[in-house]
Amino acid sequence: MDIKTYIEQNKDRFLSELFELLRMPSISADSAYKSSIEDTAKWVKESLLKAGCDKAEICPTAGNPVVYGEKHVGDNLPTVLVYGHYDVQPAVPLELWDTDPFEPVIKKTEIHPDGAIFARGACDDKGQMFMHVKALEYMVKEGKLPCNVKFMIEGEEEVGSKNLGAFVHANREKLKNDIILISDTSIIANDVPSVTLRLRGLSYVEVEVTGPNRDLHSGVYGGAVQNPVTVLSQMMAKLYDDKNRITIPHFYDKVKELLPEERHMFAQTPFSLEAYNKDLGIAEAKHEEGYSVLESATIRPALDVNGIWGGYIGEGAKTIIPSKAYAKISMRLVPDQDSKEVVDLFTQYFEQIAPKGVTVKVKDLSGGPAYAMDIENKGYKAAEKAMEKTFGKAPIPAAEGGSIPIVALFEKELGTKSILMGFGLDSDLIHSPNEHYGLFNFFKGIETIPYFYEYYVKSE
């Protein structure tokens, strides 16, 4: 039986099973959901066994557990390691969801006329991870699995995978593989397939600015004491110049210019600035001088304030000068930039631009390096052929602005490259209210993955 027929005969069951998984609020950022994390890990383990893994186990870490599974076909055959994650982002603010984030529903949209699954984790990453489980089920049942496969499904990706490094280091032999396959990225459009070649790295910090030793009456002290909220706002405004370049000294020292042919390759991505602005509801997008909006969002570094708070924000008036103000700031990095070095550079500069009358603390929350793949890699070629087979056209090599820090860690610890063959869309609202994942994308992923295995093994 071919894969399209298998999907057609089992699609209702596939969706029913995925809905079970999506109903589990496996939020890794909130310890109140610890029991749900554990239940979800057990569910993933059982799904791997049902799909045909020889064995599956829940592996404890210092944080949330990793689910490991494997199917061994032959000693002389290559091994594909599938990575994914079962944890999800918090669903707040709940009032902005049109439906319950943990009660999945299918609704038609302009982009998904065949319907999309609305739920937290539908695309990131439960829906995409589960495609691999169902693809394995098909290959095992139909006797079409051409190589060995291992699964490593973690529960802390949404909080920086802080315990995965130690797990990978301690289990290098268990995780030994020839190529890593990941679906946690996107395609350009449902009629424009793509395979991700580059991801940006990340440095993520929290800053604290302290002024007086207590909140002060703004009538008594206003005009005489530094206000931490005002100071913090002024400091953050100094992090970019009028060319949209980051002002931190030495920030760009390790940033290499792409070759003209590389910029041309990534410029193949269809992009309408008018549609981009309209989709975001903005009058004008910004960009670094000398680079396009698309390049500024993918192949160049960036710095953004993710949140700022301090002082009184309740109903009515409370006239104070707050003692403290805080902000969370992310810096997206490109290959060769080191996350820890960037945090150090940021800290030095932030302390330098702080005026007298306040003190500054910078906390390093998480980070990781950028990732780049060679277009001539056998795994990339297999993904390219697989997508061409199922989409009817060759995929475009793409760069994405997001970060999956553990991809570079895998290469360092395991010595193998990761193929980023995702099926989501940028419009799927991951990390936002009303996250969704198209039925077309879910089933197209299940259809495409077995061909990746076929073409990869042939290349070996």
Protein backbone atom coordinates (compact mmCIF):
# COMPACT_ATOMS: atom_id res chain seq x y z
CA MET A 1 0.00 0.00 0.00
CA ASP A 2 1.37 3.43 -0.86
CA ILE A 3 1.56 6.17 1.75
CA LYS A 4 -1.26 8.32 0.32
CA THR A 5 -3.69 5.40 0.47
CA TYR A 6 -2.57 4.57 4.01
CA ILE A 7 -3.18 8.15 5.11
CA GLU A 8 -6.61 8.23 3.49
CA GLN A 9 -7.64 5.01 5.25
CA ASN A 10 -6.35 6.15 8.65
CA LYS A 11 -6.68 9.94 8.70
CA ASP A 12 -9.59 10.03 11.15
CA ARG A 13 -7.65 7.84 13.58
CA PHE A 14 -4.51 9.95 13.13
CA LEU A 15 -6.46 13.09 14.04
CA SER A 16 -8.19 11.43 16.98
CA GLU A 17 -4.82 10.38 18.39
CA LEU A 18 -3.28 13.81 17.80
CA PHE A 19 -6.23 15.46 19.55
CA GLU A 20 -5.55 13.29 22.62
CA LEU A 21 -2.00 14.60 22.68
CA LEU A 22 -3.09 18.21 22.17
CA ARG A 23 -5.51 18.05 25.09
CA MET A 24 -2.56 17.59 27.47
CA PRO A 25 -1.37 21.00 28.76
CA SER A 26 2.33 20.12 28.81
CA ILE A 27 3.52 23.66 29.58
CA SER A 28 7.20 23.50 30.52
CA ALA A 29 7.47 27.13 31.66
CA ASP A 30 5.05 26.64 34.57
CA SER A 31 5.81 24.11 37.33
CA ALA A 32 2.08 23.82 38.04
CA TYR A 33 1.86 21.63 34.93
CA LYS A 34 4.51 19.13 36.04
CA SER A 35 2.02 16.25 36.25
CA SER A 36 0.79 17.00 32.72
CA ILE A 37 4.39 16.95 31.48
CA GLU A 38 4.82 13.49 32.98
CA ASP A 39 1.51 12.24 31.54
CA THR A 40 2.45 13.56 28.10
CA ALA A 41 5.84 11.82 28.20
CA LYS A 42 4.08 8.54 29.00
CA TRP A 43 1.65 9.12 26.14
CA VAL A 44 4.48 9.74 23.67
CA LYS A 45 6.29 6.62 24.85
CA GLU A 46 3.19 4.48 24.27
CA SER A 47 2.64 6.03 20.85
CA LEU A 48 6.15 5.05 19.79
CA LEU A 49 5.60 1.47 20.90
CA LYS A 50 2.27 1.28 19.09
CA ALA A 51 3.88 2.67 15.94
CA GLY A 52 6.42 -0.16 15.88
CA CYS A 53 9.44 0.79 17.96
CA ASP A 54 11.26 -2.22 19.41
CA LYS A 55 11.56 -0.34 22.67
CA ALA A 56 10.73 3.04 24.15
CA GLU A 57 11.55 4.51 27.53
CA ILE A 58 11.16 7.64 29.62
CA CYS A 59 14.61 8.97 30.52
CA PRO A 60 14.83 11.24 33.58
CA THR A 61 16.86 14.45 33.46
CA ALA A 62 17.44 17.19 36.01
CA GLY A 63 14.27 18.72 34.57
CA ASN A 64 11.57 17.23 32.36
CA PRO A 65 12.06 13.71 30.97
CA VAL A 66 13.23 12.77 27.48
CA VAL A 67 11.28 10.08 25.63
CA TYR A 68 13.59 7.72 23.73
CA GLY A 69 12.56 5.05 21.26
CA GLU A 70 14.22 2.94 18.59
CA LYS A 71 13.50 0.54 15.77
CA HIS A 72 16.45 -1.58 14.65
CA VAL A 73 16.38 -3.00 11.14
CA GLY A 74 19.97 -4.02 10.42
CA ASP A 75 23.50 -3.61 11.76
CA ASN A 76 24.89 -2.44 8.44
CA LEU A 77 22.17 0.08 7.72
CA PRO A 78 22.30 3.83 8.45
CA THR A 79 20.45 5.29 11.42
CA VAL A 80 18.15 8.33 11.38
CA LEU A 81 17.62 10.11 14.71
CA VAL A 82 14.30 11.97 14.91
CA TYR A 83 14.21 14.92 17.31
CA GLY A 84 11.08 16.72 18.48
CA HIS A 85 9.52 18.10 21.64
CA TYR A 86 6.29 17.45 23.49
CA ASP A 87 6.25 20.57 25.66
CA VAL A 88 4.33 23.68 24.63
CA GLN A 89 4.26 27.40 25.28
CA PRO A 90 1.89 28.85 27.91
CA ALA A 91 -1.53 29.62 26.45
CA VAL A 92 -1.99 33.00 28.16
CA PRO A 93 -3.61 35.41 27.49
CA LEU A 94 -6.56 33.03 27.36
CA GLU A 95 -9.05 35.78 26.51
CA LEU A 96 -7.42 36.21 23.10
CA TRP A 97 -8.14 32.61 22.08
CA ASP A 98 -11.29 32.05 20.04
CA THR A 99 -11.55 28.50 21.42
CA ASP A 100 -10.12 26.54 24.36
CA PRO A 101 -6.35 26.16 23.65
CA PHE A 102 -6.39 22.62 25.01
CA GLU A 103 -9.58 21.46 23.31
CA PRO A 104 -8.56 21.15 19.64
CA VAL A 105 -11.03 22.05 16.94
CA ILE A 106 -10.84 22.09 13.14
CA LYS A 107 -11.78 25.32 11.38
CA LYS A 108 -11.40 26.48 7.80
CA THR A 109 -9.34 29.60 7.10
CA GLU A 110 -8.36 31.58 4.04
CA ILE A 111 -4.91 29.97 4.03
CA HIS A 112 -6.24 26.54 5.06
CA PRO A 113 -9.46 26.03 3.07
CA ASP A 114 -9.36 22.30 3.90
CA GLY A 115 -9.23 23.11 7.60
CA ALA A 116 -6.68 23.67 10.33
CA ILE A 117 -6.32 22.29 13.85
CA PHE A 118 -6.57 25.08 16.42
CA ALA A 119 -4.82 24.24 19.72
CA ARG A 120 -1.70 25.08 21.67
CA GLY A 121 1.09 22.87 20.29
CA ALA A 122 -0.83 22.01 17.10
CA CYS A 123 2.14 23.11 14.99
CA ASP A 124 4.86 23.69 17.60
CA ASP A 125 5.70 20.91 17.94
CA LYS A 126 3.18 18.19 18.76
CA GLY A 127 1.58 18.11 15.33
CA GLN A 128 4.91 18.09 13.53
CA MET A 129 6.50 15.59 15.91
CA PHE A 130 3.51 13.24 15.61
CA MET A 131 3.90 13.16 11.81
CA HIS A 132 7.10 11.18 12.35
CA VAL A 133 5.36 8.70 14.63
CA LYS A 134 2.67 8.05 12.03
CA ALA A 135 5.23 7.83 9.22
CA LEU A 136 7.08 5.19 11.23
CA GLU A 137 3.82 3.30 11.77
CA TYR A 138 3.27 3.18 8.01
CA MET A 139 6.83 2.08 7.19
CA VAL A 140 6.83 -0.67 9.83
CA LYS A 141 3.38 -2.04 8.98
CA GLU A 142 4.05 -2.02 5.26
CA GLY A 143 7.60 -3.36 5.56
CA LYS A 144 9.06 -0.20 4.03
CA LEU A 145 11.41 1.03 6.75
CA PRO A 146 14.79 0.96 4.94
CA CYS A 147 17.06 1.79 7.89
CA ASN A 148 17.27 2.08 11.66
CA VAL A 149 15.45 4.90 13.41
CA LYS A 150 15.76 6.44 16.85
CA PHE A 151 13.52 9.01 18.52
CA MET A 152 14.53 11.63 21.08
CA ILE A 153 11.48 13.67 22.11
CA GLU A 154 12.19 16.18 24.86
CA GLY A 155 10.07 18.22 27.25
CA GLU A 156 12.01 21.46 27.69
CA GLU A 157 12.48 22.95 24.23
CA GLU A 158 10.20 25.88 25.02
CA VAL A 159 12.36 26.83 28.02
CA GLY A 160 15.71 26.55 26.28
CA SER A 161 16.43 22.77 26.42
CA LYS A 162 18.57 23.50 29.46
CA ASN A 163 18.97 19.86 30.50
CA LEU A 164 19.20 18.28 27.06
CA GLY A 165 22.91 18.99 26.64
CA ALA A 166 23.81 16.88 29.66
CA PHE A 167 21.48 14.12 28.47
CA VAL A 168 22.99 14.04 24.99
CA HIS A 169 26.54 14.09 26.37
CA ALA A 170 25.80 11.19 28.73
CA ASN A 171 24.06 9.15 26.02
CA ARG A 172 26.23 9.66 22.98
CA GLU A 173 26.46 5.95 22.21
CA LYS A 174 22.71 5.41 22.59
CA LEU A 175 21.99 8.40 20.32
CA LYS A 176 24.64 7.50 17.70
CA ASN A 177 23.29 8.19 14.23
CA ASP A 178 24.13 9.10 10.65
CA ILE A 179 21.70 12.01 10.26
CA ILE A 180 19.19 13.86 12.46
CA LEU A 181 15.73 14.70 11.13
CA ILE A 182 13.71 17.54 12.68
CA SER A 183 10.31 18.99 11.86
CA ASP A 184 10.08 22.14 13.97
CA THR A 185 10.39 24.70 11.19
CA SER A 186 8.19 25.90 8.34
CA ILE A 187 7.72 25.93 4.60
CA ILE A 188 7.27 29.17 2.68
CA ALA A 189 3.72 28.33 1.56
CA ASN A 190 1.62 25.28 0.84
CA ASP A 191 2.45 25.65 -2.84
CA VAL A 192 6.08 26.76 -2.21
CA PRO A 193 7.94 24.01 -0.31
CA SER A 194 11.25 24.80 1.34
CA VAL A 195 13.95 23.16 3.46
CA THR A 196 15.64 25.27 6.13
CA LEU A 197 19.39 25.71 5.70
CA ARG A 198 20.06 28.31 8.38
CA LEU A 199 18.76 29.20 11.83
CA ARG A 200 19.79 32.13 13.98
CA GLY A 201 21.26 31.59 17.41
CA LEU A 202 20.07 33.22 20.62
CA SER A 203 21.20 35.15 23.65
CA TYR A 204 18.33 35.82 26.04
CA VAL A 205 18.73 38.02 29.10
CA GLU A 206 16.72 39.68 31.84
CA VAL A 207 17.83 43.10 33.04
CA GLU A 208 17.05 44.79 36.34
CA VAL A 209 17.51 48.50 36.99
CA THR A 210 17.32 49.66 40.62
CA GLY A 211 17.06 53.26 41.78
CA PRO A 212 15.92 54.17 45.31
CA ASN A 213 15.74 51.50 47.99
CA ARG A 214 11.92 51.65 48.02
CA ASP A 215 9.01 53.04 45.99
CA LEU A 216 8.81 56.78 46.50
CA HIS A 217 5.99 59.36 46.42
CA SER A 218 6.36 61.05 43.02
CA GLY A 219 5.09 64.35 44.43
CA VAL A 220 7.71 64.45 47.15
CA TYR A 221 10.65 63.07 45.15
CA GLY A 222 9.71 63.61 41.50
CA GLY A 223 12.42 65.53 39.62
CA ALA A 224 15.08 64.75 42.21
CA VAL A 225 15.52 60.95 41.95
CA GLN A 226 16.31 58.76 38.94
CA ASN A 227 13.19 56.82 37.89
CA PRO A 228 14.24 53.23 36.98
CA VAL A 229 11.42 52.80 34.44
CA THR A 230 12.43 56.00 32.63
CA VAL A 231 16.11 55.12 32.81
CA LEU A 232 15.53 51.59 31.51
CA SER A 233 13.50 52.92 28.58
CA GLN A 234 16.24 55.40 27.70
CA MET A 235 18.92 52.70 27.93
CA MET A 236 17.02 50.33 25.68
CA ALA A 237 16.56 53.10 23.12
CA LYS A 238 20.35 53.30 22.84
CA LEU A 239 20.70 49.66 21.74
CA TYR A 240 19.96 50.50 18.07
CA ASP A 241 21.20 53.35 15.87
CA ASP A 242 19.36 55.13 13.05
CA LYS A 243 20.61 52.51 10.57
CA ASN A 244 18.98 49.73 12.60
CA ARG A 245 22.36 48.39 13.61
CA ILE A 246 22.97 47.15 17.15
CA THR A 247 25.22 49.61 19.02
CA ILE A 248 26.88 47.17 21.44
CA PRO A 249 30.65 47.54 20.91
CA HIS A 250 32.25 44.53 19.15
CA PHE A 251 28.84 42.92 18.60
CA TYR A 252 29.54 42.49 14.87
CA ASP A 253 33.19 41.41 15.18
CA LYS A 254 32.39 37.76 14.33
CA VAL A 255 29.54 38.43 11.91
CA LYS A 256 30.64 37.25 8.46
CA GLU A 257 29.15 38.66 5.28
CA LEU A 258 27.42 36.07 3.11
CA LEU A 259 28.85 35.54 -0.35
CA PRO A 260 26.84 37.17 -3.16
CA GLU A 261 25.76 33.75 -4.43
CA GLU A 262 24.51 32.83 -0.94
CA ARG A 263 22.46 36.02 -0.69
CA HIS A 264 21.09 35.32 -4.15
CA MET A 265 20.10 31.77 -3.14
CA PHE A 266 18.14 32.94 -0.11
CA ALA A 267 16.61 35.77 -2.15
CA GLN A 268 14.71 33.12 -4.14
CA THR A 269 12.18 33.08 -1.29
CA PRO A 270 9.00 34.76 -2.56
CA PHE A 271 8.41 37.88 -0.51
CA SER A 272 5.90 40.73 -0.80
CA LEU A 273 6.66 43.67 1.46
CA GLU A 274 3.14 44.98 0.97
CA ALA A 275 1.60 41.66 2.03
CA TYR A 276 4.05 41.42 4.95
CA ASN A 277 3.04 44.83 6.30
CA LYS A 278 -0.65 44.13 5.75
CA ASP A 279 -0.48 40.79 7.55
CA LEU A 280 1.17 42.40 10.58
CA GLY A 281 -1.05 45.48 10.55
CA ILE A 282 1.91 47.87 10.34
CA ALA A 283 2.52 50.86 8.08
CA GLU A 284 6.18 50.08 7.45
CA ALA A 285 8.69 47.34 8.30
CA LYS A 286 12.19 48.24 9.42
CA HIS A 287 15.44 46.76 8.12
CA GLU A 288 19.16 47.09 8.63
CA GLU A 289 20.73 49.52 6.19
CA GLY A 290 22.17 47.62 3.23
CA TYR A 291 19.89 44.60 3.72
CA SER A 292 16.32 43.78 2.79
CA VAL A 293 13.51 43.25 5.30
CA LEU A 294 13.70 39.49 4.64
CA GLU A 295 17.47 39.43 5.16
CA SER A 296 17.14 41.48 8.34
CA ALA A 297 14.69 38.88 9.69
CA THR A 298 16.74 35.81 8.76
CA ILE A 299 20.46 36.10 7.95
CA ARG A 300 21.38 39.17 10.03
CA PRO A 301 21.57 39.58 13.83
CA ALA A 302 18.74 41.31 15.68
CA LEU A 303 17.92 42.59 19.16
CA ASP A 304 14.42 42.91 20.58
CA VAL A 305 12.82 43.82 23.88
CA ASN A 306 10.41 41.00 24.69
CA GLY A 307 8.83 42.54 27.77
CA ILE A 308 9.19 45.46 30.17
CA TRP A 309 7.64 46.04 33.56
CA GLY A 310 7.92 48.05 36.75
CA GLY A 311 5.95 50.41 38.94
CA TYR A 312 2.19 50.55 39.32
CA ILE A 313 0.01 49.16 36.51
CA GLY A 314 -3.23 48.45 38.40
CA GLU A 315 -6.54 50.27 38.06
CA GLY A 316 -6.64 53.92 38.97
CA ALA A 317 -3.71 56.08 40.07
CA LYS A 318 -0.80 55.41 42.38
CA THR A 319 1.76 58.20 42.07
CA ILE A 320 5.12 56.57 42.72
CA ILE A 321 8.68 56.47 41.52
CA PRO A 322 9.27 52.70 41.45
CA SER A 323 12.33 51.22 43.07
CA LYS A 324 12.95 48.76 40.22
CA ALA A 325 12.28 48.20 36.54
CA TYR A 326 12.83 45.06 34.48
CA ALA A 327 13.01 43.93 30.87
CA LYS A 328 13.61 40.72 28.94
CA ILE A 329 15.76 41.10 25.84
CA SER A 330 16.56 38.60 23.09
CA MET A 331 19.43 38.82 20.65
CA ARG A 332 19.29 36.66 17.52
CA LEU A 333 22.74 35.62 16.36
CA VAL A 334 24.34 34.37 13.14
CA PRO A 335 27.01 31.67 12.66
CA ASP A 336 30.32 32.24 14.50
CA GLN A 337 28.77 34.50 17.15
CA ASP A 338 29.08 32.97 20.61
CA SER A 339 26.04 33.29 22.87
CA LYS A 340 28.02 33.70 26.10
CA GLU A 341 30.37 36.25 24.53
CA VAL A 342 27.40 38.28 23.31
CA VAL A 343 25.87 38.27 26.79
CA ASP A 344 29.17 39.55 28.20
CA LEU A 345 29.34 42.29 25.55
CA PHE A 346 25.74 43.27 26.27
CA THR A 347 26.35 43.36 30.03
CA GLN A 348 29.44 45.55 29.70
CA TYR A 349 27.62 48.02 27.44
CA PHE A 350 24.44 48.10 29.50
CA GLU A 351 26.40 48.85 32.65
CA GLN A 352 28.39 51.50 30.79
CA ILE A 353 25.32 53.44 29.58
CA ALA A 354 23.57 53.36 32.95
CA PRO A 355 23.49 56.83 34.54
CA LYS A 356 24.58 57.53 38.09
CA GLY A 357 21.77 56.98 40.56
CA VAL A 358 20.84 53.47 39.40
CA THR A 359 22.44 50.03 39.52
CA VAL A 360 22.11 47.38 36.80
CA LYS A 361 21.96 43.59 36.91
CA VAL A 362 21.92 41.32 33.84
CA LYS A 363 20.82 37.71 34.15
CA ASP A 364 21.68 35.24 31.38
CA LEU A 365 18.49 33.18 30.91
CA SER A 366 19.26 30.99 27.89
CA GLY A 367 21.02 30.87 24.58
CA GLY A 368 22.68 28.86 21.88
CA PRO A 369 24.58 29.17 18.60
CA ALA A 370 23.26 29.63 15.09
CA TYR A 371 23.19 26.76 12.60
CA ALA A 372 24.08 26.44 8.93
CA MET A 373 23.75 23.47 6.58
CA ASP A 374 25.63 22.76 3.34
CA ILE A 375 23.29 22.43 0.39
CA GLU A 376 25.39 19.51 -0.88
CA ASN A 377 24.78 17.41 2.25
CA LYS A 378 23.23 13.98 1.50
CA GLY A 379 20.50 14.55 4.04
CA TYR A 380 19.56 17.87 2.49
CA LYS A 381 19.48 16.26 -0.96
CA ALA A 382 17.18 13.49 0.39
CA ALA A 383 14.81 16.06 1.88
CA GLU A 384 14.86 18.02 -1.37
CA LYS A 385 13.93 14.92 -3.40
CA ALA A 386 11.26 13.86 -0.90
CA MET A 387 9.54 17.23 -1.02
CA GLU A 388 9.79 17.37 -4.80
CA LYS A 389 8.12 13.95 -4.90
CA THR A 390 5.12 14.95 -2.76
CA PHE A 391 4.74 18.66 -3.59
CA GLY A 392 5.46 18.28 -7.30
CA LYS A 393 8.18 20.94 -7.26
CA ALA A 394 11.67 21.29 -5.83
CA PRO A 395 11.86 23.09 -2.46
CA ILE A 396 13.60 26.42 -2.04
CA PRO A 397 16.63 26.59 0.31
CA ALA A 398 15.48 28.84 3.14
CA ALA A 399 16.89 30.77 6.08
CA GLU A 400 14.75 31.21 9.20
CA GLY A 401 15.10 33.86 11.83
CA GLY A 402 14.14 31.66 14.77
CA SER A 403 16.41 29.55 16.93
CA ILE A 404 16.69 25.87 17.82
CA PRO A 405 19.86 26.05 19.96
CA ILE A 406 20.14 22.30 20.43
CA VAL A 407 20.78 21.73 16.69
CA ALA A 408 24.33 23.04 17.01
CA LEU A 409 24.71 21.07 20.25
CA PHE A 410 23.79 17.85 18.41
CA GLU A 411 26.53 18.47 15.86
CA LYS A 412 29.07 19.14 18.60
CA GLU A 413 28.18 16.12 20.76
CA LEU A 414 27.07 13.57 18.14
CA GLY A 415 29.07 14.69 15.13
CA THR A 416 26.10 14.67 12.76
CA LYS A 417 24.11 17.26 10.87
CA SER A 418 20.40 18.01 11.34
CA ILE A 419 17.95 18.22 8.45
CA LEU A 420 15.30 20.86 9.17
CA MET A 421 12.34 19.58 7.17
CA GLY A 422 9.36 21.34 8.71
CA PHE A 423 5.83 21.69 7.35
CA GLY A 424 4.35 24.58 9.33
CA LEU A 425 3.63 28.08 8.03
CA ASP A 426 4.75 31.41 9.47
CA SER A 427 1.04 32.29 9.70
CA ASP A 428 0.29 29.38 12.07
CA LEU A 429 0.57 31.71 15.10
CA ILE A 430 2.96 29.53 17.09
CA HIS A 431 3.62 31.05 20.56
CA SER A 432 0.51 33.20 20.03
CA PRO A 433 -3.20 32.84 20.78
CA ASN A 434 -5.07 30.75 18.19
CA GLU A 435 -2.07 28.64 17.18
CA HIS A 436 -3.08 26.24 14.42
CA TYR A 437 -1.74 23.68 11.96
CA GLY A 438 -3.23 22.93 8.56
CA LEU A 439 -4.64 19.49 7.83
CA PHE A 440 -2.87 19.72 4.47
CA ASN A 441 0.44 20.28 6.25
CA PHE A 442 -0.06 17.51 8.80
CA PHE A 443 -0.90 14.89 6.19
CA LYS A 444 1.69 16.17 3.70
CA GLY A 445 4.35 15.71 6.36
CA ILE A 446 3.32 12.11 6.98
CA GLU A 447 3.37 11.53 3.23
CA THR A 448 6.81 13.09 2.71
CA ILE A 449 8.80 11.60 5.61
CA PRO A 450 8.96 7.99 4.27
CA TYR A 451 10.43 9.29 1.01
CA PHE A 452 13.17 11.05 2.98
CA TYR A 453 14.17 7.68 4.42
CA GLU A 454 14.07 6.05 1.00
CA TYR A 455 16.20 8.67 -0.73
CA TYR A 456 18.63 9.03 2.16
CA VAL A 457 19.36 5.30 2.29
CA LYS A 458 19.84 5.21 -1.47
CA SER A 459 22.38 8.04 -1.20
CA GLU A 460 24.29 6.06 1.43
